[in-house]
Each structure stands twice: as structure tokens, then as C-alpha cells.
Amino acid sequence: MPRIAIDLNSPAGRRIVKGQWRVADGLVPGEPNEGLVSQLEASPARLKEYDDSKWAVCENVRESRSKGFTFCWWRIIVEIPDAVDGVSLAGSTVLFETNVDNYGEVWIDGEIDSVAGTVNGNNAQQRVTITRNVVPGTKYTIAVLAANAPFGVPRGGVFMRYATLAFESSG
């Protein structure tokens, strides 16, 4: 099977997976002070069942959001198609590939791979395995958290340079 990549930042790519990005600022969107409170133990925005329906629709994950010390979440539910360009996807490995400015976390269905799921460093590339045995029709919730850095003097805004769903041969 050739590598197949779906650009989740393009309308055509999102149509293939029946997905739409949603975006909201804050560690806990909608909470006062963006949810930044002492000793916060978790943000519910990472969870699969979290209701993001009131968040803004995002057409471009590259668009810089906020400035200074800030957090932002992007979320999308993707449905694995049967095939792309006539190539069956059943049984393949699917990866989410991204580049988050500056620090990022990738949560798949509310879970994080503590090694591959964190993006450390300015614009570091990251590949997170969603599954090694794709079943067409399965839905996955991808939630990406970005924080601006360095924390002491954060520069610019937060964004994802790209967001790709890649299918490769398993094995």
C-alpha cells in the first residue's frame, strides 16, 4: 500500500473524513482566566465525550491565535473512510502528524501517548499512532492543546503548522 496522506487543514481533506475542526482559547475553554487556576488537575477538553459544539469552527489551523502566555485547543472527529483514491485503508496503520507552535499535546479519544503525544520545542514535528489496524467507519476524536513559549517571555501566538492523517502499511 502506498502512503496516503489526508490534509486535515483543507476542506477537501476534512470532507474525506467527515470532520470539522473546532477551536477555543484557554486551558479550560469558557472558564474565567482561561481556566488557569492553581493546582488544576486536568482539562476536560482532552476527553472524547467533551462537548465542543459551542466552540468556533476553524477553517485554518495555521491561523495564529492569541499572544503572550496562552493556551488553545483544536478538536476534530474523523471517520475512517473505506478507501482513498481507490486504495483500501482496512488494516493499515493511521497516524496523526502535526507541528504545534510552541508546546503541544495530542490526545486521541481522551488518551495521550506520554512519549509521542507531546510536542516539545519550537515547531517540532510529531507523529502519533492512532491505531495499527484501521477499521473503516471507526471514528476518532483528536484533541490538540498548544501553549505559547518560552513561558517566561512567550512570543507570538499559538497555531498548528499542519495537521495530517497518514495511512501506511501495517507490519
Protein backbone atom coordinates (compact mmCIF):
# COMPACT_ATOMS: atom_id res chain seq x y z
CA MET A 1 0.00 0.00 0.00
CA PRO A 2 1.38 3.43 -0.85
CA ARG A 3 1.41 6.06 1.90
CA ILE A 4 -1.81 8.03 1.79
CA ALA A 5 -1.98 11.44 3.44
CA ILE A 6 -5.11 13.50 4.08
CA ASP A 7 -4.59 17.20 4.76
CA LEU A 8 -6.95 17.96 7.65
CA ASN A 9 -6.41 21.68 7.14
CA SER A 10 -8.07 21.58 3.70
CA PRO A 11 -11.83 21.47 3.09
CA ALA A 12 -11.34 18.52 0.68
CA GLY A 13 -9.39 16.55 3.30
CA ARG A 14 -11.95 17.23 6.01
CA ARG A 15 -14.75 16.08 3.67
CA ILE A 16 -13.00 12.72 3.19
CA VAL A 17 -13.05 12.05 6.96
CA LYS A 18 -16.37 13.87 7.57
CA GLY A 19 -14.64 16.13 10.10
CA GLN A 20 -14.64 19.76 11.12
CA TRP A 21 -12.07 21.47 13.33
CA ARG A 22 -13.35 23.37 16.35
CA VAL A 23 -11.13 25.77 18.27
CA ALA A 24 -11.22 27.58 21.61
CA ASP A 25 -8.73 29.56 23.65
CA GLY A 26 -7.75 28.59 27.16
CA LEU A 27 -6.54 25.61 29.12
CA VAL A 28 -10.19 25.12 30.11
CA PRO A 29 -12.14 26.99 27.40
CA GLY A 30 -15.01 29.13 28.62
CA GLU A 31 -13.75 29.30 32.20
CA PRO A 32 -12.64 32.57 33.81
CA ASN A 33 -8.96 33.36 33.26
CA GLU A 34 -8.94 30.65 30.53
CA GLY A 35 -9.15 28.03 33.29
CA LEU A 36 -5.74 28.92 34.69
CA VAL A 37 -6.08 28.23 38.38
CA SER A 38 -3.63 26.99 40.97
CA GLN A 39 -3.25 23.22 41.13
CA LEU A 40 -5.67 22.43 38.30
CA GLU A 41 -5.50 18.65 37.85
CA ALA A 42 -6.88 18.27 34.32
CA SER A 43 -8.63 19.98 31.43
CA PRO A 44 -11.84 18.29 30.31
CA ALA A 45 -11.25 19.48 26.72
CA ARG A 46 -8.97 16.46 26.16
CA LEU A 47 -11.80 13.96 26.69
CA LYS A 48 -13.56 12.18 23.83
CA GLU A 49 -17.05 12.96 25.15
CA TYR A 50 -16.33 16.67 25.81
CA ASP A 51 -18.95 18.96 24.23
CA ASP A 52 -17.15 21.41 21.93
CA SER A 53 -20.29 22.33 19.95
CA LYS A 54 -20.19 25.96 21.15
CA TRP A 55 -16.56 26.40 20.06
CA ALA A 56 -15.79 28.32 16.88
CA VAL A 57 -15.47 26.38 13.64
CA CYS A 58 -11.87 26.53 12.46
CA GLU A 59 -11.15 26.62 8.73
CA ASN A 60 -7.38 27.16 9.10
CA VAL A 61 -5.33 25.59 11.91
CA ARG A 62 -2.37 27.72 10.78
CA GLU A 63 -4.07 30.92 11.89
CA SER A 64 -2.22 32.29 14.91
CA ARG A 65 -4.38 32.68 17.99
CA SER A 66 -3.89 34.99 20.93
CA LYS A 67 -0.47 36.20 22.06
CA GLY A 68 1.69 36.12 25.14
CA PHE A 69 1.21 33.30 27.63
CA THR A 70 -1.78 31.43 26.27
CA PHE A 71 -3.33 28.04 25.63
CA CYS A 72 -5.58 26.88 22.81
CA TRP A 73 -7.41 23.65 21.92
CA TRP A 74 -8.32 22.31 18.48
CA ARG A 75 -10.61 19.30 18.19
CA ILE A 76 -11.83 17.20 15.28
CA ILE A 77 -13.74 13.93 14.98
CA VAL A 78 -12.56 11.93 11.97
CA GLU A 79 -14.31 8.94 10.43
CA ILE A 80 -12.02 6.50 8.64
CA PRO A 81 -13.15 6.06 5.02
CA ASP A 82 -13.20 2.68 3.24
CA ALA A 83 -10.70 3.84 0.64
CA VAL A 84 -8.88 6.90 -0.70
CA ASP A 85 -8.20 7.20 -4.43
CA GLY A 86 -9.27 3.57 -4.85
CA VAL A 87 -6.84 2.24 -2.23
CA SER A 88 -8.44 0.29 0.61
CA LEU A 89 -7.46 1.51 4.08
CA ALA A 90 -8.60 -1.56 6.03
CA GLY A 91 -5.85 -2.97 8.24
CA SER A 92 -3.43 -0.09 7.69
CA THR A 93 -1.73 2.00 10.37
CA VAL A 94 -3.11 5.51 10.78
CA LEU A 95 -1.06 8.35 12.22
CA PHE A 96 -1.86 11.92 13.12
CA GLU A 97 1.01 14.18 12.08
CA THR A 98 1.36 17.76 13.21
CA ASN A 99 3.68 20.59 14.08
CA VAL A 100 2.49 22.70 17.04
CA ASP A 101 3.86 26.11 17.95
CA ASN A 102 5.35 26.03 20.66
CA TYR A 103 4.46 23.27 23.14
CA GLY A 104 1.69 20.82 22.27
CA GLU A 105 -0.15 17.71 23.31
CA VAL A 106 -2.07 15.32 21.06
CA TRP A 107 -4.92 13.42 22.70
CA ILE A 108 -6.65 10.58 20.82
CA ASP A 109 -10.05 9.62 22.25
CA GLY A 110 -9.07 11.21 25.57
CA GLU A 111 -5.74 9.35 25.87
CA ILE A 112 -2.20 10.56 25.36
CA ASP A 113 0.92 8.62 24.47
CA SER A 114 3.25 10.15 27.05
CA VAL A 115 6.20 9.96 24.63
CA ALA A 116 4.79 10.50 21.14
CA GLY A 117 1.83 12.62 22.25
CA THR A 118 3.80 15.61 23.46
CA VAL A 119 5.35 18.20 21.16
CA ASN A 120 8.31 19.88 22.81
CA GLY A 121 10.26 22.71 21.25
CA ASN A 122 9.52 25.41 18.77
CA ASN A 123 7.71 23.87 15.83
CA ALA A 124 8.80 20.27 16.46
CA GLN A 125 7.25 17.69 14.14
CA GLN A 126 5.19 14.95 15.76
CA ARG A 127 3.61 11.66 14.63
CA VAL A 128 1.11 9.95 16.90
CA THR A 129 -0.19 6.46 16.10
CA ILE A 130 -3.98 6.34 16.25
CA THR A 131 -4.23 2.62 15.51
CA ARG A 132 -2.16 -0.07 13.80
CA ASN A 133 -5.20 -1.85 12.38
CA VAL A 134 -7.68 0.55 10.82
CA VAL A 135 -11.32 -0.43 10.59
CA PRO A 136 -13.18 1.76 8.07
CA GLY A 137 -16.11 3.62 9.62
CA THR A 138 -14.40 3.95 13.00
CA LYS A 139 -14.45 7.47 14.46
CA TYR A 140 -11.61 9.02 16.45
CA THR A 141 -11.55 12.27 18.39
CA ILE A 142 -8.30 14.18 18.01
CA ALA A 143 -7.73 16.98 20.53
CA VAL A 144 -4.63 19.16 20.29
CA LEU A 145 -3.54 21.52 23.06
CA ALA A 146 -1.00 24.26 22.33
CA ALA A 147 0.78 26.56 24.77
CA ASN A 148 2.91 29.52 23.89
CA ALA A 149 6.54 29.56 24.97
CA PRO A 150 9.01 30.16 26.35
CA PHE A 151 6.80 30.54 29.41
CA GLY A 152 8.94 33.34 30.89
CA VAL A 153 8.67 35.50 27.74
CA PRO A 154 6.19 33.94 25.30
CA ARG A 155 6.42 35.16 21.71
CA GLY A 156 3.77 35.33 19.03
CA GLY A 157 0.62 33.24 19.10
CA VAL A 158 -0.18 29.54 19.00
CA PHE A 159 -1.02 27.53 15.88
CA MET A 160 -0.58 24.21 14.13
CA ARG A 161 1.69 24.43 11.11
CA TYR A 162 -0.09 21.40 9.59
CA ALA A 163 -2.44 18.58 10.53
CA THR A 164 -2.31 15.35 8.51
CA LEU A 165 -3.94 11.95 8.78
CA ALA A 166 -1.50 9.46 7.24
CA PHE A 167 -2.17 5.83 6.32
CA GLU A 168 0.70 3.38 5.95
CA SER A 169 1.05 -0.36 5.54
CA SER A 170 0.95 -2.24 8.82
CA GLY A 171 3.68 -4.67 9.59
